[in-house]
Amino acid sequence: MQNCIHEIAYMHLKDKRGEQREWDFPALGKGTVDFPKIFENLENNKNGCPFSIEIEFTKEGPKDIGEINRAVADSYQYLKEKGFEI
């Protein structure tokens, strides 16, 4: 089987929480996506592609700008804790 990880030039990161059909996309590290495994695979294959992040919250959206700021700060901190330079 051919591995395409060397072809990845950019990665869009988005976490997920809840059931499959539930609309709940929290800050990175607050859901169930196994980012450590993804990051490990990238590192093992010497792929330092850039990331972007997406936080959609729930169907109702964020409560206010404070919730958005916290989610961005939490995602930033999560990536820093995983060893990424931001």
PDB file of N, CA and C in Angstrom:
ATOM      1  N   MET A   1       0.843  -1.181   0.000  1.00  0.00           N
ATOM      2  CA  MET A   1       0.000   0.000   0.000  1.00  0.00           C
ATOM      3  C   MET A   1       0.890   1.247   0.000  1.00  0.00           C
ATOM      4  N   GLN A   2       0.586   2.180  -0.854  1.00  0.00           N
ATOM      5  CA  GLN A   2       1.337   3.432  -0.967  1.00  0.00           C
ATOM      6  C   GLN A   2       0.836   4.422   0.079  1.00  0.00           C
ATOM      7  N   ASN A   3       1.749   5.115   0.735  1.00  0.00           N
ATOM      8  CA  ASN A   3       1.416   6.120   1.735  1.00  0.00           C
ATOM      9  C   ASN A   3       1.541   7.495   1.085  1.00  0.00           C
ATOM     10  N   CYS A   4       0.527   8.336   1.227  1.00  0.00           N
ATOM     11  CA  CYS A   4       0.533   9.650   0.582  1.00  0.00           C
ATOM     12  C   CYS A   4       0.903  10.782   1.539  1.00  0.00           C
ATOM     13  N   ILE A   5       1.345  10.482   2.749  1.00  0.00           N
ATOM     14  CA  ILE A   5       1.614  11.532   3.733  1.00  0.00           C
ATOM     15  C   ILE A   5       2.667  12.527   3.242  1.00  0.00           C
ATOM     16  N   HIS A   6       3.548  12.096   2.355  1.00  0.00           N
ATOM     17  CA  HIS A   6       4.575  12.995   1.820  1.00  0.00           C
ATOM     18  C   HIS A   6       3.987  14.007   0.837  1.00  0.00           C
ATOM     19  N   GLU A   7       2.784  13.753   0.378  1.00  0.00           N
ATOM     20  CA  GLU A   7       2.129  14.645  -0.585  1.00  0.00           C
ATOM     21  C   GLU A   7       1.298  15.737   0.095  1.00  0.00           C
ATOM     22  N   ILE A   8       1.094  15.636   1.396  1.00  0.00           N
ATOM     23  CA  ILE A   8       0.277  16.622   2.108  1.00  0.00           C
ATOM     24  C   ILE A   8       1.079  17.915   2.239  1.00  0.00           C
ATOM     25  N   ALA A   9       0.529  19.002   1.686  1.00  0.00           N
ATOM     26  CA  ALA A   9       1.226  20.286   1.699  1.00  0.00           C
ATOM     27  C   ALA A   9       0.582  21.276   2.667  1.00  0.00           C
ATOM     28  N   TYR A  10      -0.601  20.946   3.165  1.00  0.00           N
ATOM     29  CA  TYR A  10      -1.359  21.858   4.034  1.00  0.00           C
ATOM     30  C   TYR A  10      -2.420  21.025   4.741  1.00  0.00           C
ATOM     31  N   MET A  11      -2.713  21.355   6.008  1.00  0.00           N
ATOM     32  CA  MET A  11      -3.725  20.603   6.746  1.00  0.00           C
ATOM     33  C   MET A  11      -4.658  21.565   7.492  1.00  0.00           C
ATOM     34  N   HIS A  12      -5.945  21.321   7.339  1.00  0.00           N
ATOM     35  CA  HIS A  12      -6.992  22.099   7.995  1.00  0.00           C
ATOM     36  C   HIS A  12      -7.442  21.296   9.211  1.00  0.00           C
ATOM     37  N   LEU A  13      -7.266  21.831  10.423  1.00  0.00           N
ATOM     38  CA  LEU A  13      -7.569  21.100  11.651  1.00  0.00           C
ATOM     39  C   LEU A  13      -8.909  21.540  12.231  1.00  0.00           C
ATOM     40  N   LYS A  14      -9.704  20.555  12.628  1.00  0.00           N
ATOM     41  CA  LYS A  14     -11.017  20.818  13.206  1.00  0.00           C
ATOM     42  C   LYS A  14     -11.339  19.666  14.146  1.00  0.00           C
ATOM     43  N   ASP A  15     -11.702  19.967  15.377  1.00  0.00           N
ATOM     44  CA  ASP A  15     -12.029  18.911  16.339  1.00  0.00           C
ATOM     45  C   ASP A  15     -13.520  18.606  16.275  1.00  0.00           C
ATOM     46  N   LYS A  16     -13.923  17.500  16.870  1.00  0.00           N
ATOM     47  CA  LYS A  16     -15.319  17.047  16.859  1.00  0.00           C
ATOM     48  C   LYS A  16     -15.660  16.453  18.205  1.00  0.00           C
ATOM     49  N   ARG A  17     -16.871  16.767  18.654  1.00  0.00           N
ATOM     50  CA  ARG A  17     -17.366  16.229  19.920  1.00  0.00           C
ATOM     51  C   ARG A  17     -18.789  15.732  19.689  1.00  0.00           C
ATOM     52  N   GLY A  18     -19.209  14.716  20.436  1.00  0.00           N
ATOM     53  CA  GLY A  18     -20.580  14.224  20.339  1.00  0.00           C
ATOM     54  C   GLY A  18     -20.767  13.155  19.279  1.00  0.00           C
ATOM     55  N   GLU A  19     -22.019  12.825  19.050  1.00  0.00           N
ATOM     56  CA  GLU A  19     -22.384  11.796  18.076  1.00  0.00           C
ATOM     57  C   GLU A  19     -22.061  12.249  16.658  1.00  0.00           C
ATOM     58  N   GLN A  20     -22.049  11.281  15.728  1.00  0.00           N
ATOM     59  CA  GLN A  20     -21.661  11.561  14.349  1.00  0.00           C
ATOM     60  C   GLN A  20     -22.482  12.698  13.736  1.00  0.00           C
ATOM     61  N   ARG A  21     -23.775  12.697  13.934  1.00  0.00           N
ATOM     62  CA  ARG A  21     -24.645  13.707  13.316  1.00  0.00           C
ATOM     63  C   ARG A  21     -24.812  14.963  14.177  1.00  0.00           C
ATOM     64  N   GLU A  22     -24.188  14.989  15.330  1.00  0.00           N
ATOM     65  CA  GLU A  22     -24.279  16.156  16.217  1.00  0.00           C
ATOM     66  C   GLU A  22     -23.329  17.248  15.740  1.00  0.00           C
ATOM     67  N   TRP A  23     -23.826  18.477  15.693  1.00  0.00           N
ATOM     68  CA  TRP A  23     -23.034  19.626  15.256  1.00  0.00           C
ATOM     69  C   TRP A  23     -22.343  20.210  16.476  1.00  0.00           C
ATOM     70  N   ASP A  24     -21.119  19.789  16.715  1.00  0.00           N
ATOM     71  CA  ASP A  24     -20.359  20.278  17.875  1.00  0.00           C
ATOM     72  C   ASP A  24     -18.875  20.196  17.550  1.00  0.00           C
ATOM     73  N   PHE A  25     -18.299  21.334  17.220  1.00  0.00           N
ATOM     74  CA  PHE A  25     -16.907  21.432  16.793  1.00  0.00           C
ATOM     75  C   PHE A  25     -16.177  22.414  17.701  1.00  0.00           C
ATOM     76  N   PRO A  26     -15.582  21.912  18.800  1.00  0.00           N
ATOM     77  CA  PRO A  26     -14.953  22.769  19.800  1.00  0.00           C
ATOM     78  C   PRO A  26     -13.516  23.164  19.426  1.00  0.00           C
ATOM     79  N   ALA A  27     -12.889  23.875  20.348  1.00  0.00           N
ATOM     80  CA  ALA A  27     -11.472  24.215  20.212  1.00  0.00           C
ATOM     81  C   ALA A  27     -10.655  22.936  20.075  1.00  0.00           C
ATOM     82  N   LEU A  28      -9.500  23.050  19.446  1.00  0.00           N
ATOM     83  CA  LEU A  28      -8.621  21.882  19.288  1.00  0.00           C
ATOM     84  C   LEU A  28      -8.279  21.300  20.658  1.00  0.00           C
ATOM     85  N   GLY A  29      -8.313  19.972  20.748  1.00  0.00           N
ATOM     86  CA  GLY A  29      -8.000  19.302  21.994  1.00  0.00           C
ATOM     87  C   GLY A  29      -9.185  19.132  22.926  1.00  0.00           C
ATOM     88  N   LYS A  30     -10.332  19.696  22.575  1.00  0.00           N
ATOM     89  CA  LYS A  30     -11.531  19.600  23.425  1.00  0.00           C
ATOM     90  C   LYS A  30     -12.524  18.564  22.904  1.00  0.00           C
ATOM     91  N   GLY A  31     -12.184  17.925  21.792  1.00  0.00           N
ATOM     92  CA  GLY A  31     -13.069  16.933  21.198  1.00  0.00           C
ATOM     93  C   GLY A  31     -12.420  15.560  21.162  1.00  0.00           C
ATOM     94  N   THR A  32     -12.799  14.773  20.177  1.00  0.00           N
ATOM     95  CA  THR A  32     -12.377  13.375  20.124  1.00  0.00           C
ATOM     96  C   THR A  32     -11.392  13.048  19.000  1.00  0.00           C
ATOM     97  N   VAL A  33     -11.023  14.030  18.185  1.00  0.00           N
ATOM     98  CA  VAL A  33     -10.062  13.759  17.107  1.00  0.00           C
ATOM     99  C   VAL A  33      -8.706  13.437  17.731  1.00  0.00           C
ATOM    100  N   ASP A  34      -8.072  12.397  17.244  1.00  0.00           N
ATOM    101  CA  ASP A  34      -6.783  11.955  17.786  1.00  0.00           C
ATOM    102  C   ASP A  34      -5.641  12.752  17.140  1.00  0.00           C
ATOM    103  N   PHE A  35      -5.545  14.027  17.510  1.00  0.00           N
ATOM    104  CA  PHE A  35      -4.495  14.876  16.958  1.00  0.00           C
ATOM    105  C   PHE A  35      -3.093  14.376  17.291  1.00  0.00           C
ATOM    106  N   PRO A  36      -2.833  13.871  18.499  1.00  0.00           N
ATOM    107  CA  PRO A  36      -1.481  13.354  18.761  1.00  0.00           C
ATOM    108  C   PRO A  36      -1.039  12.301  17.746  1.00  0.00           C
ATOM    109  N   LYS A  37      -1.938  11.434  17.338  1.00  0.00           N
ATOM    110  CA  LYS A  37      -1.607  10.416  16.337  1.00  0.00           C
ATOM    111  C   LYS A  37      -1.326  11.059  14.980  1.00  0.00           C
ATOM    112  N   ILE A  38      -2.122  12.044  14.609  1.00  0.00           N
ATOM    113  CA  ILE A  38      -1.911  12.757  13.345  1.00  0.00           C
ATOM    114  C   ILE A  38      -0.552  13.452  13.372  1.00  0.00           C
ATOM    115  N   PHE A  39      -0.270  14.162  14.463  1.00  0.00           N
ATOM    116  CA  PHE A  39       0.994  14.886  14.576  1.00  0.00           C
ATOM    117  C   PHE A  39       2.185  13.924  14.574  1.00  0.00           C
ATOM    118  N   GLU A  40       2.028  12.787  15.229  1.00  0.00           N
ATOM    119  CA  GLU A  40       3.085  11.777  15.257  1.00  0.00           C
ATOM    120  C   GLU A  40       3.372  11.257  13.848  1.00  0.00           C
ATOM    121  N   ASN A  41       2.313  10.979  13.093  1.00  0.00           N
ATOM    122  CA  ASN A  41       2.489  10.499  11.719  1.00  0.00           C
ATOM    123  C   ASN A  41       3.185  11.544  10.854  1.00  0.00           C
ATOM    124  N   LEU A  42       2.804  12.799  11.010  1.00  0.00           N
ATOM    125  CA  LEU A  42       3.460  13.861  10.250  1.00  0.00           C
ATOM    126  C   LEU A  42       4.941  13.942  10.616  1.00  0.00           C
ATOM    127  N   GLU A  43       5.237  13.932  11.919  1.00  0.00           N
ATOM    128  CA  GLU A  43       6.624  14.029  12.373  1.00  0.00           C
ATOM    129  C   GLU A  43       7.457  12.835  11.913  1.00  0.00           C
ATOM    130  N   ASN A  44       6.907  11.645  12.051  1.00  0.00           N
ATOM    131  CA  ASN A  44       7.633  10.434  11.640  1.00  0.00           C
ATOM    132  C   ASN A  44       7.966  10.437  10.157  1.00  0.00           C
ATOM    133  N   ASN A  45       7.176  11.161   9.387  1.00  0.00           N
ATOM    134  CA  ASN A  45       7.393  11.226   7.944  1.00  0.00           C
ATOM    135  C   ASN A  45       8.004  12.556   7.508  1.00  0.00           C
ATOM    136  N   LYS A  46       8.522  13.303   8.503  1.00  0.00           N
ATOM    137  CA  LYS A  46       9.207  14.570   8.242  1.00  0.00           C
ATOM    138  C   LYS A  46       8.370  15.517   7.395  1.00  0.00           C
ATOM    139  N   ASN A  47       7.073  15.568   7.705  1.00  0.00           N
ATOM    140  CA  ASN A  47       6.163  16.471   7.010  1.00  0.00           C
ATOM    141  C   ASN A  47       5.816  17.623   7.956  1.00  0.00           C
ATOM    142  N   GLY A  48       6.362  18.786   7.685  1.00  0.00           N
ATOM    143  CA  GLY A  48       6.110  19.975   8.507  1.00  0.00           C
ATOM    144  C   GLY A  48       5.117  20.919   7.851  1.00  0.00           C
ATOM    145  N   CYS A  49       4.078  20.373   7.248  1.00  0.00           N
ATOM    146  CA  CYS A  49       3.102  21.201   6.531  1.00  0.00           C
ATOM    147  C   CYS A  49       2.438  22.208   7.481  1.00  0.00           C
ATOM    148  N   PRO A  50       2.021  23.353   6.946  1.00  0.00           N
ATOM    149  CA  PRO A  50       1.328  24.347   7.778  1.00  0.00           C
ATOM    150  C   PRO A  50      -0.093  23.897   8.087  1.00  0.00           C
ATOM    151  N   PHE A  51      -0.644  24.454   9.167  1.00  0.00           N
ATOM    152  CA  PHE A  51      -2.010  24.163   9.594  1.00  0.00           C
ATOM    153  C   PHE A  51      -2.849  25.432   9.578  1.00  0.00           C
ATOM    154  N   SER A  52      -4.140  25.248   9.421  1.00  0.00           N
ATOM    155  CA  SER A  52      -5.123  26.265   9.773  1.00  0.00           C
ATOM    156  C   SER A  52      -6.094  25.574  10.723  1.00  0.00           C
ATOM    157  N   ILE A  53      -6.833  26.344  11.492  1.00  0.00           N
ATOM    158  CA  ILE A  53      -7.805  25.739  12.408  1.00  0.00           C
ATOM    159  C   ILE A  53      -9.198  26.286  12.114  1.00  0.00           C
ATOM    160  N   GLU A  54     -10.187  25.471  12.445  1.00  0.00           N
ATOM    161  CA  GLU A  54     -11.587  25.874  12.309  1.00  0.00           C
ATOM    162  C   GLU A  54     -12.302  25.487  13.587  1.00  0.00           C
ATOM    163  N   ILE A  55     -13.082  26.418  14.106  1.00  0.00           N
ATOM    164  CA  ILE A  55     -13.889  26.175  15.300  1.00  0.00           C
ATOM    165  C   ILE A  55     -15.306  26.625  14.960  1.00  0.00           C
ATOM    166  N   GLU A  56     -16.242  25.691  14.902  1.00  0.00           N
ATOM    167  CA  GLU A  56     -17.616  26.026  14.520  1.00  0.00           C
ATOM    168  C   GLU A  56     -18.575  26.049  15.703  1.00  0.00           C
ATOM    169  N   PHE A  57     -18.150  25.570  16.848  1.00  0.00           N
ATOM    170  CA  PHE A  57     -19.021  25.509  18.027  1.00  0.00           C
ATOM    171  C   PHE A  57     -20.194  24.576  17.758  1.00  0.00           C
ATOM    172  N   THR A  58     -21.388  24.953  18.157  1.00  0.00           N
ATOM    173  CA  THR A  58     -22.594  24.147  17.944  1.00  0.00           C
ATOM    174  C   THR A  58     -23.435  24.812  16.856  1.00  0.00           C
ATOM    175  N   LYS A  59     -24.571  24.225  16.538  1.00  0.00           N
ATOM    176  CA  LYS A  59     -25.449  24.813  15.510  1.00  0.00           C
ATOM    177  C   LYS A  59     -25.844  26.237  15.862  1.00  0.00           C
ATOM    178  N   GLU A  60     -25.943  26.530  17.155  1.00  0.00           N
ATOM    179  CA  GLU A  60     -26.338  27.867  17.597  1.00  0.00           C
ATOM    180  C   GLU A  60     -25.198  28.877  17.438  1.00  0.00           C
ATOM    181  N   GLY A  61     -24.001  28.375  17.211  1.00  0.00           N
ATOM    182  CA  GLY A  61     -22.846  29.261  17.081  1.00  0.00           C
ATOM    183  C   GLY A  61     -22.308  29.670  18.443  1.00  0.00           C
ATOM    184  N   PRO A  62     -21.300  30.526  18.447  1.00  0.00           N
ATOM    185  CA  PRO A  62     -20.730  30.966  19.724  1.00  0.00           C
ATOM    186  C   PRO A  62     -21.699  31.878  20.475  1.00  0.00           C
ATOM    187  N   LYS A  63     -21.560  31.885  21.804  1.00  0.00           N
ATOM    188  CA  LYS A  63     -22.416  32.740  22.640  1.00  0.00           C
ATOM    189  C   LYS A  63     -22.083  34.208  22.451  1.00  0.00           C
ATOM    190  N   ASP A  64     -20.769  34.489  22.364  1.00  0.00           N
ATOM    191  CA  ASP A  64     -20.318  35.868  22.246  1.00  0.00           C
ATOM    192  C   ASP A  64     -18.855  35.890  21.807  1.00  0.00           C
ATOM    193  N   ILE A  65     -18.305  37.073  21.643  1.00  0.00           N
ATOM    194  CA  ILE A  65     -16.914  37.195  21.209  1.00  0.00           C
ATOM    195  C   ILE A  65     -15.961  36.599  22.240  1.00  0.00           C
ATOM    196  N   GLY A  66     -16.331  36.628  23.490  1.00  0.00           N
ATOM    197  CA  GLY A  66     -15.501  36.035  24.538  1.00  0.00           C
ATOM    198  C   GLY A  66     -15.322  34.544  24.340  1.00  0.00           C
ATOM    199  N   GLU A  67     -16.382  33.860  23.950  1.00  0.00           N
ATOM    200  CA  GLU A  67     -16.285  32.414  23.703  1.00  0.00           C
ATOM    201  C   GLU A  67     -15.380  32.138  22.501  1.00  0.00           C
ATOM    202  N   ILE A  68     -15.464  32.968  21.484  1.00  0.00           N
ATOM    203  CA  ILE A  68     -14.590  32.816  20.317  1.00  0.00           C
ATOM    204  C   ILE A  68     -13.139  33.019  20.734  1.00  0.00           C
ATOM    205  N   ASN A  69     -12.881  34.078  21.472  1.00  0.00           N
ATOM    206  CA  ASN A  69     -11.508  34.367  21.919  1.00  0.00           C
ATOM    207  C   ASN A  69     -10.942  33.241  22.772  1.00  0.00           C
ATOM    208  N   ARG A  70     -11.771  32.664  23.654  1.00  0.00           N
ATOM    209  CA  ARG A  70     -11.318  31.547  24.496  1.00  0.00           C
ATOM    210  C   ARG A  70     -10.999  30.321  23.653  1.00  0.00           C
ATOM    211  N   ALA A  71     -11.840  30.028  22.671  1.00  0.00           N
ATOM    212  CA  ALA A  71     -11.621  28.856  21.818  1.00  0.00           C
ATOM    213  C   ALA A  71     -10.343  29.009  20.995  1.00  0.00           C
ATOM    214  N   VAL A  72     -10.100  30.200  20.493  1.00  0.00           N
ATOM    215  CA  VAL A  72      -8.866  30.438  19.733  1.00  0.00           C
ATOM    216  C   VAL A  72      -7.660  30.315  20.664  1.00  0.00           C
ATOM    217  N   ALA A  73      -7.754  30.908  21.858  1.00  0.00           N
ATOM    218  CA  ALA A  73      -6.652  30.826  22.832  1.00  0.00           C
ATOM    219  C   ALA A  73      -6.417  29.374  23.258  1.00  0.00           C
ATOM    220  N   ASP A  74      -7.481  28.622  23.479  1.00  0.00           N
ATOM    221  CA  ASP A  74      -7.343  27.209  23.859  1.00  0.00           C
ATOM    222  C   ASP A  74      -6.677  26.407  22.740  1.00  0.00           C
ATOM    223  N   SER A  75      -7.072  26.659  21.493  1.00  0.00           N
ATOM    224  CA  SER A  75      -6.478  25.956  20.353  1.00  0.00           C
ATOM    225  C   SER A  75      -5.003  26.311  20.216  1.00  0.00           C
ATOM    226  N   TYR A  76      -4.693  27.580  20.376  1.00  0.00           N
ATOM    227  CA  TYR A  76      -3.304  28.055  20.341  1.00  0.00           C
ATOM    228  C   TYR A  76      -2.476  27.348  21.410  1.00  0.00           C
ATOM    229  N   GLN A  77      -2.995  27.311  22.633  1.00  0.00           N
ATOM    230  CA  GLN A  77      -2.281  26.675  23.737  1.00  0.00           C
ATOM    231  C   GLN A  77      -2.106  25.180  23.485  1.00  0.00           C
ATOM    232  N   TYR A  78      -3.126  24.542  22.958  1.00  0.00           N
ATOM    233  CA  TYR A  78      -3.052  23.112  22.656  1.00  0.00           C
ATOM    234  C   TYR A  78      -1.918  22.830  21.679  1.00  0.00           C
ATOM    235  N   LEU A  79      -1.843  23.598  20.606  1.00  0.00           N
ATOM    236  CA  LEU A  79      -0.787  23.393  19.619  1.00  0.00           C
ATOM    237  C   LEU A  79       0.590  23.684  20.202  1.00  0.00           C
ATOM    238  N   LYS A  80       0.701  24.707  21.015  1.00  0.00           N
ATOM    239  CA  LYS A  80       1.993  25.018  21.669  1.00  0.00           C
ATOM    240  C   LYS A  80       2.417  23.868  22.578  1.00  0.00           C
ATOM    241  N   GLU A  81       1.468  23.305  23.344  1.00  0.00           N
ATOM    242  CA  GLU A  81       1.759  22.177  24.231  1.00  0.00           C
ATOM    243  C   GLU A  81       2.197  20.941  23.439  1.00  0.00           C
ATOM    244  N   LYS A  82       1.759  20.845  22.203  1.00  0.00           N
ATOM    245  CA  LYS A  82       2.140  19.720  21.339  1.00  0.00           C
ATOM    246  C   LYS A  82       3.477  20.005  20.629  1.00  0.00           C
ATOM    247  N   GLY A  83       4.087  21.163  20.938  1.00  0.00           N
ATOM    248  CA  GLY A  83       5.413  21.451  20.435  1.00  0.00           C
ATOM    249  C   GLY A  83       5.486  22.290  19.169  1.00  0.00           C
ATOM    250  N   PHE A  84       4.377  22.869  18.749  1.00  0.00           N
ATOM    251  CA  PHE A  84       4.388  23.667  17.537  1.00  0.00           C
ATOM    252  C   PHE A  84       4.716  25.125  17.834  1.00  0.00           C
ATOM    253  N   GLU A  85       5.481  25.733  16.946  1.00  0.00           N
ATOM    254  CA  GLU A  85       5.765  27.157  17.043  1.00  0.00           C
ATOM    255  C   GLU A  85       4.644  27.891  16.334  1.00  0.00           C
ATOM    256  N   ILE A  86       4.137  28.880  17.017  1.00  0.00           N
ATOM    257  CA  ILE A  86       2.995  29.636  16.467  1.00  0.00           C
ATOM    258  C   ILE A  86       3.443  31.069  16.225  1.00  0.00           C
TER     259      ILE A  86
END
